[in-house]
Amino acid sequence: MDENKMEKQMERERIESEIRCLVSRLDAPTSDIGDWKVVKCYEAKLQGHELPYDLDELMEERQKVRDRINELQGELESV
């Protein structure tokens, strides 16, 4: 494998790794912005209780992660 191909492969792997980490941040039960927090807010709302987390802040942070994932996926197309 020539050096250019190897560099592209390494860059591709770095981007894919970052995407996996970001997706995990959205999914993981221990994440500060994980799906579980959205579910807890939804449950509280359905029951008429106070939201346990600041939903606006939570959704803003989750959107930042999604935006970064989209950006990285665009980068993958050019690698």
PDB file of N, CA and C in Angstrom:
ATOM      1  N   MET A   1       0.862  -1.181   0.000  1.00  0.00           N
ATOM      2  CA  MET A   1       0.000   0.000   0.000  1.00  0.00           C
ATOM      3  C   MET A   1       0.901   1.233   0.000  1.00  0.00           C
ATOM      4  N   ASP A   2       0.633   2.149  -0.893  1.00  0.00           N
ATOM      5  CA  ASP A   2       1.479   3.342  -0.932  1.00  0.00           C
ATOM      6  C   ASP A   2       1.133   4.285   0.217  1.00  0.00           C
ATOM      7  N   GLU A   3       2.025   5.224   0.466  1.00  0.00           N
ATOM      8  CA  GLU A   3       1.901   6.119   1.616  1.00  0.00           C
ATOM      9  C   GLU A   3       0.617   6.948   1.571  1.00  0.00           C
ATOM     10  N   ASN A   4       0.223   7.433   0.410  1.00  0.00           N
ATOM     11  CA  ASN A   4      -0.989   8.237   0.269  1.00  0.00           C
ATOM     12  C   ASN A   4      -2.235   7.431   0.634  1.00  0.00           C
ATOM     13  N   LYS A   5      -2.296   6.196   0.160  1.00  0.00           N
ATOM     14  CA  LYS A   5      -3.447   5.347   0.491  1.00  0.00           C
ATOM     15  C   LYS A   5      -3.485   5.055   1.981  1.00  0.00           C
ATOM     16  N   MET A   6      -2.307   4.824   2.553  1.00  0.00           N
ATOM     17  CA  MET A   6      -2.238   4.521   3.974  1.00  0.00           C
ATOM     18  C   MET A   6      -2.692   5.732   4.802  1.00  0.00           C
ATOM     19  N   GLU A   7      -2.277   6.933   4.408  1.00  0.00           N
ATOM     20  CA  GLU A   7      -2.702   8.142   5.111  1.00  0.00           C
ATOM     21  C   GLU A   7      -4.213   8.324   5.010  1.00  0.00           C
ATOM     22  N   LYS A   8      -4.765   8.079   3.832  1.00  0.00           N
ATOM     23  CA  LYS A   8      -6.219   8.198   3.654  1.00  0.00           C
ATOM     24  C   LYS A   8      -6.952   7.177   4.520  1.00  0.00           C
ATOM     25  N   GLN A   9      -6.429   5.953   4.582  1.00  0.00           N
ATOM     26  CA  GLN A   9      -7.050   4.913   5.395  1.00  0.00           C
ATOM     27  C   GLN A   9      -7.007   5.290   6.871  1.00  0.00           C
ATOM     28  N   MET A  10      -5.885   5.822   7.312  1.00  0.00           N
ATOM     29  CA  MET A  10      -5.761   6.240   8.716  1.00  0.00           C
ATOM     30  C   MET A  10      -6.720   7.388   9.024  1.00  0.00           C
ATOM     31  N   GLU A  11      -6.860   8.326   8.098  1.00  0.00           N
ATOM     32  CA  GLU A  11      -7.783   9.443   8.289  1.00  0.00           C
ATOM     33  C   GLU A  11      -9.225   8.939   8.334  1.00  0.00           C
ATOM     34  N   ARG A  12      -9.546   8.015   7.457  1.00  0.00           N
ATOM     35  CA  ARG A  12     -10.880   7.414   7.423  1.00  0.00           C
ATOM     36  C   ARG A  12     -11.183   6.726   8.754  1.00  0.00           C
ATOM     37  N   GLU A  13     -10.225   5.979   9.267  1.00  0.00           N
ATOM     38  CA  GLU A  13     -10.416   5.277  10.542  1.00  0.00           C
ATOM     39  C   GLU A  13     -10.573   6.257  11.700  1.00  0.00           C
ATOM     40  N   ARG A  14      -9.826   7.370  11.655  1.00  0.00           N
ATOM     41  CA  ARG A  14      -9.940   8.377  12.702  1.00  0.00           C
ATOM     42  C   ARG A  14     -11.341   8.994  12.697  1.00  0.00           C
ATOM     43  N   ILE A  15     -11.829   9.307  11.515  1.00  0.00           N
ATOM     44  CA  ILE A  15     -13.162   9.904  11.387  1.00  0.00           C
ATOM     45  C   ILE A  15     -14.227   8.912  11.837  1.00  0.00           C
ATOM     46  N   GLU A  16     -14.122   7.672  11.397  1.00  0.00           N
ATOM     47  CA  GLU A  16     -15.104   6.653  11.787  1.00  0.00           C
ATOM     48  C   GLU A  16     -15.093   6.434  13.292  1.00  0.00           C
ATOM     49  N   SER A  17     -13.922   6.483  13.894  1.00  0.00           N
ATOM     50  CA  SER A  17     -13.811   6.324  15.341  1.00  0.00           C
ATOM     51  C   SER A  17     -14.498   7.475  16.074  1.00  0.00           C
ATOM     52  N   GLU A  18     -14.284   8.687  15.591  1.00  0.00           N
ATOM     53  CA  GLU A  18     -14.935   9.836  16.217  1.00  0.00           C
ATOM     54  C   GLU A  18     -16.452   9.746  16.080  1.00  0.00           C
ATOM     55  N   ILE A  19     -16.924   9.311  14.924  1.00  0.00           N
ATOM     56  CA  ILE A  19     -18.369   9.140  14.727  1.00  0.00           C
ATOM     57  C   ILE A  19     -18.920   8.126  15.720  1.00  0.00           C
ATOM     58  N   ARG A  20     -18.227   6.999  15.884  1.00  0.00           N
ATOM     59  CA  ARG A  20     -18.687   5.982  16.847  1.00  0.00           C
ATOM     60  C   ARG A  20     -18.758   6.547  18.257  1.00  0.00           C
ATOM     61  N   CYS A  21     -17.765   7.337  18.642  1.00  0.00           N
ATOM     62  CA  CYS A  21     -17.760   7.941  19.981  1.00  0.00           C
ATOM     63  C   CYS A  21     -18.932   8.900  20.151  1.00  0.00           C
ATOM     64  N   LEU A  22     -19.202   9.687  19.132  1.00  0.00           N
ATOM     65  CA  LEU A  22     -20.308  10.642  19.204  1.00  0.00           C
ATOM     66  C   LEU A  22     -21.657   9.940  19.264  1.00  0.00           C
ATOM     67  N   VAL A  23     -21.826   8.904  18.463  1.00  0.00           N
ATOM     68  CA  VAL A  23     -23.077   8.130  18.490  1.00  0.00           C
ATOM     69  C   VAL A  23     -23.253   7.508  19.866  1.00  0.00           C
ATOM     70  N   SER A  24     -22.163   7.005  20.423  1.00  0.00           N
ATOM     71  CA  SER A  24     -22.219   6.421  21.757  1.00  0.00           C
ATOM     72  C   SER A  24     -22.629   7.477  22.789  1.00  0.00           C
ATOM     73  N   ARG A  25     -22.175   8.682  22.585  1.00  0.00           N
ATOM     74  CA  ARG A  25     -22.538   9.758  23.518  1.00  0.00           C
ATOM     75  C   ARG A  25     -24.041  10.001  23.508  1.00  0.00           C
ATOM     76  N   LEU A  26     -24.678   9.807  22.361  1.00  0.00           N
ATOM     77  CA  LEU A  26     -26.130   9.962  22.283  1.00  0.00           C
ATOM     78  C   LEU A  26     -26.861   8.761  22.874  1.00  0.00           C
ATOM     79  N   ASP A  27     -26.271   7.586  22.749  1.00  0.00           N
ATOM     80  CA  ASP A  27     -26.936   6.336  23.126  1.00  0.00           C
ATOM     81  C   ASP A  27     -26.634   5.831  24.535  1.00  0.00           C
ATOM     82  N   ALA A  28     -25.446   6.059  25.008  1.00  0.00           N
ATOM     83  CA  ALA A  28     -24.962   5.404  26.228  1.00  0.00           C
ATOM     84  C   ALA A  28     -25.787   5.752  27.464  1.00  0.00           C
ATOM     85  N   PRO A  29     -26.061   4.748  28.287  1.00  0.00           N
ATOM     86  CA  PRO A  29     -26.833   4.986  29.503  1.00  0.00           C
ATOM     87  C   PRO A  29     -26.074   5.786  30.557  1.00  0.00           C
ATOM     88  N   THR A  30     -24.791   5.989  30.359  1.00  0.00           N
ATOM     89  CA  THR A  30     -24.005   6.783  31.301  1.00  0.00           C
ATOM     90  C   THR A  30     -23.672   8.168  30.746  1.00  0.00           C
ATOM     91  N   SER A  31     -24.152   8.477  29.551  1.00  0.00           N
ATOM     92  CA  SER A  31     -23.831   9.739  28.901  1.00  0.00           C
ATOM     93  C   SER A  31     -24.586  10.908  29.520  1.00  0.00           C
ATOM     94  N   ASP A  32     -23.928  12.055  29.544  1.00  0.00           N
ATOM     95  CA  ASP A  32     -24.564  13.261  30.071  1.00  0.00           C
ATOM     96  C   ASP A  32     -25.661  13.792  29.155  1.00  0.00           C
ATOM     97  N   ILE A  33     -25.718  13.298  27.912  1.00  0.00           N
ATOM     98  CA  ILE A  33     -26.770  13.719  26.978  1.00  0.00           C
ATOM     99  C   ILE A  33     -27.452  12.514  26.334  1.00  0.00           C
ATOM    100  N   GLY A  34     -27.384  11.384  26.998  1.00  0.00           N
ATOM    101  CA  GLY A  34     -27.913  10.137  26.451  1.00  0.00           C
ATOM    102  C   GLY A  34     -29.423  10.129  26.257  1.00  0.00           C
ATOM    103  N   ASP A  35     -29.851   9.194  25.399  1.00  0.00           N
ATOM    104  CA  ASP A  35     -31.280   9.005  25.127  1.00  0.00           C
ATOM    105  C   ASP A  35     -32.088   8.854  26.404  1.00  0.00           C
ATOM    106  N   TRP A  36     -31.493   8.239  27.400  1.00  0.00           N
ATOM    107  CA  TRP A  36     -32.214   7.979  28.637  1.00  0.00           C
ATOM    108  C   TRP A  36     -32.712   9.265  29.287  1.00  0.00           C
ATOM    109  N   LYS A  37     -31.962  10.355  29.144  1.00  0.00           N
ATOM    110  CA  LYS A  37     -32.410  11.621  29.729  1.00  0.00           C
ATOM    111  C   LYS A  37     -33.636  12.154  28.990  1.00  0.00           C
ATOM    112  N   VAL A  38     -33.668  11.965  27.691  1.00  0.00           N
ATOM    113  CA  VAL A  38     -34.827  12.393  26.904  1.00  0.00           C
ATOM    114  C   VAL A  38     -36.046  11.575  27.329  1.00  0.00           C
ATOM    115  N   VAL A  39     -35.858  10.285  27.508  1.00  0.00           N
ATOM    116  CA  VAL A  39     -36.953   9.400  27.929  1.00  0.00           C
ATOM    117  C   VAL A  39     -37.457   9.807  29.311  1.00  0.00           C
ATOM    118  N   LYS A  40     -36.546  10.108  30.220  1.00  0.00           N
ATOM    119  CA  LYS A  40     -36.961  10.532  31.566  1.00  0.00           C
ATOM    120  C   LYS A  40     -37.783  11.823  31.510  1.00  0.00           C
ATOM    121  N   CYS A  41     -37.387  12.747  30.655  1.00  0.00           N
ATOM    122  CA  CYS A  41     -38.155  13.988  30.501  1.00  0.00           C
ATOM    123  C   CYS A  41     -39.537  13.703  29.923  1.00  0.00           C
ATOM    124  N   TYR A  42     -39.580  12.826  28.935  1.00  0.00           N
ATOM    125  CA  TYR A  42     -40.848  12.453  28.307  1.00  0.00           C
ATOM    126  C   TYR A  42     -41.784  11.803  29.324  1.00  0.00           C
ATOM    127  N   GLU A  43     -41.243  10.886  30.112  1.00  0.00           N
ATOM    128  CA  GLU A  43     -42.056  10.221  31.136  1.00  0.00           C
ATOM    129  C   GLU A  43     -42.597  11.237  32.138  1.00  0.00           C
ATOM    130  N   ALA A  44     -41.748  12.144  32.584  1.00  0.00           N
ATOM    131  CA  ALA A  44     -42.168  13.160  33.559  1.00  0.00           C
ATOM    132  C   ALA A  44     -43.267  14.033  32.967  1.00  0.00           C
ATOM    133  N   LYS A  45     -43.099  14.427  31.719  1.00  0.00           N
ATOM    134  CA  LYS A  45     -44.102  15.266  31.047  1.00  0.00           C
ATOM    135  C   LYS A  45     -45.441  14.533  30.957  1.00  0.00           C
ATOM    136  N   LEU A  46     -45.404  13.262  30.566  1.00  0.00           N
ATOM    137  CA  LEU A  46     -46.640  12.478  30.451  1.00  0.00           C
ATOM    138  C   LEU A  46     -47.366  12.354  31.784  1.00  0.00           C
ATOM    139  N   GLN A  47     -46.593  12.315  32.857  1.00  0.00           N
ATOM    140  CA  GLN A  47     -47.189  12.172  34.178  1.00  0.00           C
ATOM    141  C   GLN A  47     -47.500  13.514  34.835  1.00  0.00           C
ATOM    142  N   GLY A  48     -47.207  14.590  34.117  1.00  0.00           N
ATOM    143  CA  GLY A  48     -47.481  15.913  34.658  1.00  0.00           C
ATOM    144  C   GLY A  48     -46.496  16.353  35.721  1.00  0.00           C
ATOM    145  N   HIS A  49     -45.339  15.723  35.768  1.00  0.00           N
ATOM    146  CA  HIS A  49     -44.322  16.085  36.754  1.00  0.00           C
ATOM    147  C   HIS A  49     -43.345  17.099  36.163  1.00  0.00           C
ATOM    148  N   GLU A  50     -42.587  17.706  37.048  1.00  0.00           N
ATOM    149  CA  GLU A  50     -41.535  18.635  36.620  1.00  0.00           C
ATOM    150  C   GLU A  50     -40.453  17.849  35.880  1.00  0.00           C
ATOM    151  N   LEU A  51     -39.909  18.450  34.844  1.00  0.00           N
ATOM    152  CA  LEU A  51     -38.859  17.781  34.077  1.00  0.00           C
ATOM    153  C   LEU A  51     -37.595  17.654  34.930  1.00  0.00           C
ATOM    154  N   PRO A  52     -36.981  16.476  34.920  1.00  0.00           N
ATOM    155  CA  PRO A  52     -35.787  16.262  35.747  1.00  0.00           C
ATOM    156  C   PRO A  52     -34.525  16.906  35.176  1.00  0.00           C
ATOM    157  N   TYR A  53     -34.569  17.318  33.924  1.00  0.00           N
ATOM    158  CA  TYR A  53     -33.409  17.923  33.263  1.00  0.00           C
ATOM    159  C   TYR A  53     -33.876  19.116  32.441  1.00  0.00           C
ATOM    160  N   ASP A  54     -32.970  20.026  32.177  1.00  0.00           N
ATOM    161  CA  ASP A  54     -33.271  21.171  31.325  1.00  0.00           C
ATOM    162  C   ASP A  54     -33.352  20.663  29.886  1.00  0.00           C
ATOM    163  N   LEU A  55     -34.555  20.495  29.384  1.00  0.00           N
ATOM    164  CA  LEU A  55     -34.766  19.880  28.076  1.00  0.00           C
ATOM    165  C   LEU A  55     -34.186  20.724  26.945  1.00  0.00           C
ATOM    166  N   ASP A  56     -34.308  22.039  27.039  1.00  0.00           N
ATOM    167  CA  ASP A  56     -33.750  22.899  25.988  1.00  0.00           C
ATOM    168  C   ASP A  56     -32.237  22.730  25.891  1.00  0.00           C
ATOM    169  N   GLU A  57     -31.579  22.738  27.026  1.00  0.00           N
ATOM    170  CA  GLU A  57     -30.123  22.569  27.055  1.00  0.00           C
ATOM    171  C   GLU A  57     -29.735  21.173  26.553  1.00  0.00           C
ATOM    172  N   LEU A  58     -30.469  20.185  26.989  1.00  0.00           N
ATOM    173  CA  LEU A  58     -30.203  18.806  26.572  1.00  0.00           C
ATOM    174  C   LEU A  58     -30.335  18.652  25.058  1.00  0.00           C
ATOM    175  N   MET A  59     -31.406  19.187  24.511  1.00  0.00           N
ATOM    176  CA  MET A  59     -31.630  19.061  23.071  1.00  0.00           C
ATOM    177  C   MET A  59     -30.586  19.865  22.278  1.00  0.00           C
ATOM    178  N   GLU A  60     -30.186  21.003  22.812  1.00  0.00           N
ATOM    179  CA  GLU A  60     -29.155  21.811  22.148  1.00  0.00           C
ATOM    180  C   GLU A  60     -27.830  21.047  22.079  1.00  0.00           C
ATOM    181  N   GLU A  61     -27.452  20.425  23.189  1.00  0.00           N
ATOM    182  CA  GLU A  61     -26.204  19.660  23.218  1.00  0.00           C
ATOM    183  C   GLU A  61     -26.277  18.442  22.297  1.00  0.00           C
ATOM    184  N   ARG A  62     -27.414  17.776  22.285  1.00  0.00           N
ATOM    185  CA  ARG A  62     -27.586  16.613  21.405  1.00  0.00           C
ATOM    186  C   ARG A  62     -27.512  17.043  19.938  1.00  0.00           C
ATOM    187  N   GLN A  63     -28.060  18.219  19.615  1.00  0.00           N
ATOM    188  CA  GLN A  63     -28.012  18.691  18.239  1.00  0.00           C
ATOM    189  C   GLN A  63     -26.584  19.017  17.814  1.00  0.00           C
ATOM    190  N   LYS A  64     -25.796  19.557  18.725  1.00  0.00           N
ATOM    191  CA  LYS A  64     -24.387  19.829  18.425  1.00  0.00           C
ATOM    192  C   LYS A  64     -23.663  18.538  18.048  1.00  0.00           C
ATOM    193  N   VAL A  65     -23.962  17.474  18.783  1.00  0.00           N
ATOM    194  CA  VAL A  65     -23.336  16.175  18.492  1.00  0.00           C
ATOM    195  C   VAL A  65     -23.803  15.672  17.131  1.00  0.00           C
ATOM    196  N   ARG A  66     -25.094  15.778  16.856  1.00  0.00           N
ATOM    197  CA  ARG A  66     -25.616  15.340  15.544  1.00  0.00           C
ATOM    198  C   ARG A  66     -24.987  16.151  14.405  1.00  0.00           C
ATOM    199  N   ASP A  67     -24.839  17.453  14.616  1.00  0.00           N
ATOM    200  CA  ASP A  67     -24.221  18.305  13.596  1.00  0.00           C
ATOM    201  C   ASP A  67     -22.784  17.866  13.330  1.00  0.00           C
ATOM    202  N   ARG A  68     -22.063  17.552  14.394  1.00  0.00           N
ATOM    203  CA  ARG A  68     -20.677  17.098  14.233  1.00  0.00           C
ATOM    204  C   ARG A  68     -20.633  15.758  13.490  1.00  0.00           C
ATOM    205  N   ILE A  69     -21.558  14.861  13.811  1.00  0.00           N
ATOM    206  CA  ILE A  69     -21.624  13.574  13.106  1.00  0.00           C
ATOM    207  C   ILE A  69     -21.863  13.824  11.619  1.00  0.00           C
ATOM    208  N   ASN A  70     -22.791  14.697  11.300  1.00  0.00           N
ATOM    209  CA  ASN A  70     -23.073  15.012   9.896  1.00  0.00           C
ATOM    210  C   ASN A  70     -21.851  15.603   9.194  1.00  0.00           C
ATOM    211  N   GLU A  71     -21.135  16.469   9.893  1.00  0.00           N
ATOM    212  CA  GLU A  71     -19.927  17.079   9.349  1.00  0.00           C
ATOM    213  C   GLU A  71     -18.880  15.995   9.042  1.00  0.00           C
ATOM    214  N   LEU A  72     -18.702  15.094   9.985  1.00  0.00           N
ATOM    215  CA  LEU A  72     -17.732  14.021   9.807  1.00  0.00           C
ATOM    216  C   LEU A  72     -18.131  13.073   8.678  1.00  0.00           C
ATOM    217  N   GLN A  73     -19.404  12.792   8.574  1.00  0.00           N
ATOM    218  CA  GLN A  73     -19.861  11.934   7.485  1.00  0.00           C
ATOM    219  C   GLN A  73     -19.582  12.585   6.124  1.00  0.00           C
ATOM    220  N   GLY A  74     -19.697  13.904   6.069  1.00  0.00           N
ATOM    221  CA  GLY A  74     -19.352  14.629   4.848  1.00  0.00           C
ATOM    222  C   GLY A  74     -17.857  14.508   4.559  1.00  0.00           C
ATOM    223  N   GLU A  75     -17.040  14.593   5.593  1.00  0.00           N
ATOM    224  CA  GLU A  75     -15.604  14.436   5.425  1.00  0.00           C
ATOM    225  C   GLU A  75     -15.248  13.047   4.907  1.00  0.00           C
ATOM    226  N   LEU A  76     -15.971  12.050   5.394  1.00  0.00           N
ATOM    227  CA  LEU A  76     -15.714  10.665   4.945  1.00  0.00           C
ATOM    228  C   LEU A  76     -15.877  10.539   3.443  1.00  0.00           C
ATOM    229  N   GLU A  77     -16.822  11.258   2.896  1.00  0.00           N
ATOM    230  CA  GLU A  77     -17.073  11.175   1.456  1.00  0.00           C
ATOM    231  C   GLU A  77     -15.899  11.715   0.639  1.00  0.00           C
ATOM    232  N   SER A  78     -15.129  12.611   1.245  1.00  0.00           N
ATOM    233  CA  SER A  78     -14.009  13.197   0.487  1.00  0.00           C
ATOM    234  C   SER A  78     -12.677  12.519   0.787  1.00  0.00           C
ATOM    235  N   VAL A  79     -12.677  11.546   1.672  1.00  0.00           N
ATOM    236  CA  VAL A  79     -11.428  10.841   1.991  1.00  0.00           C
ATOM    237  C   VAL A  79     -11.251   9.663   1.066  1.00  0.00           C
TER     238      VAL A  79
END
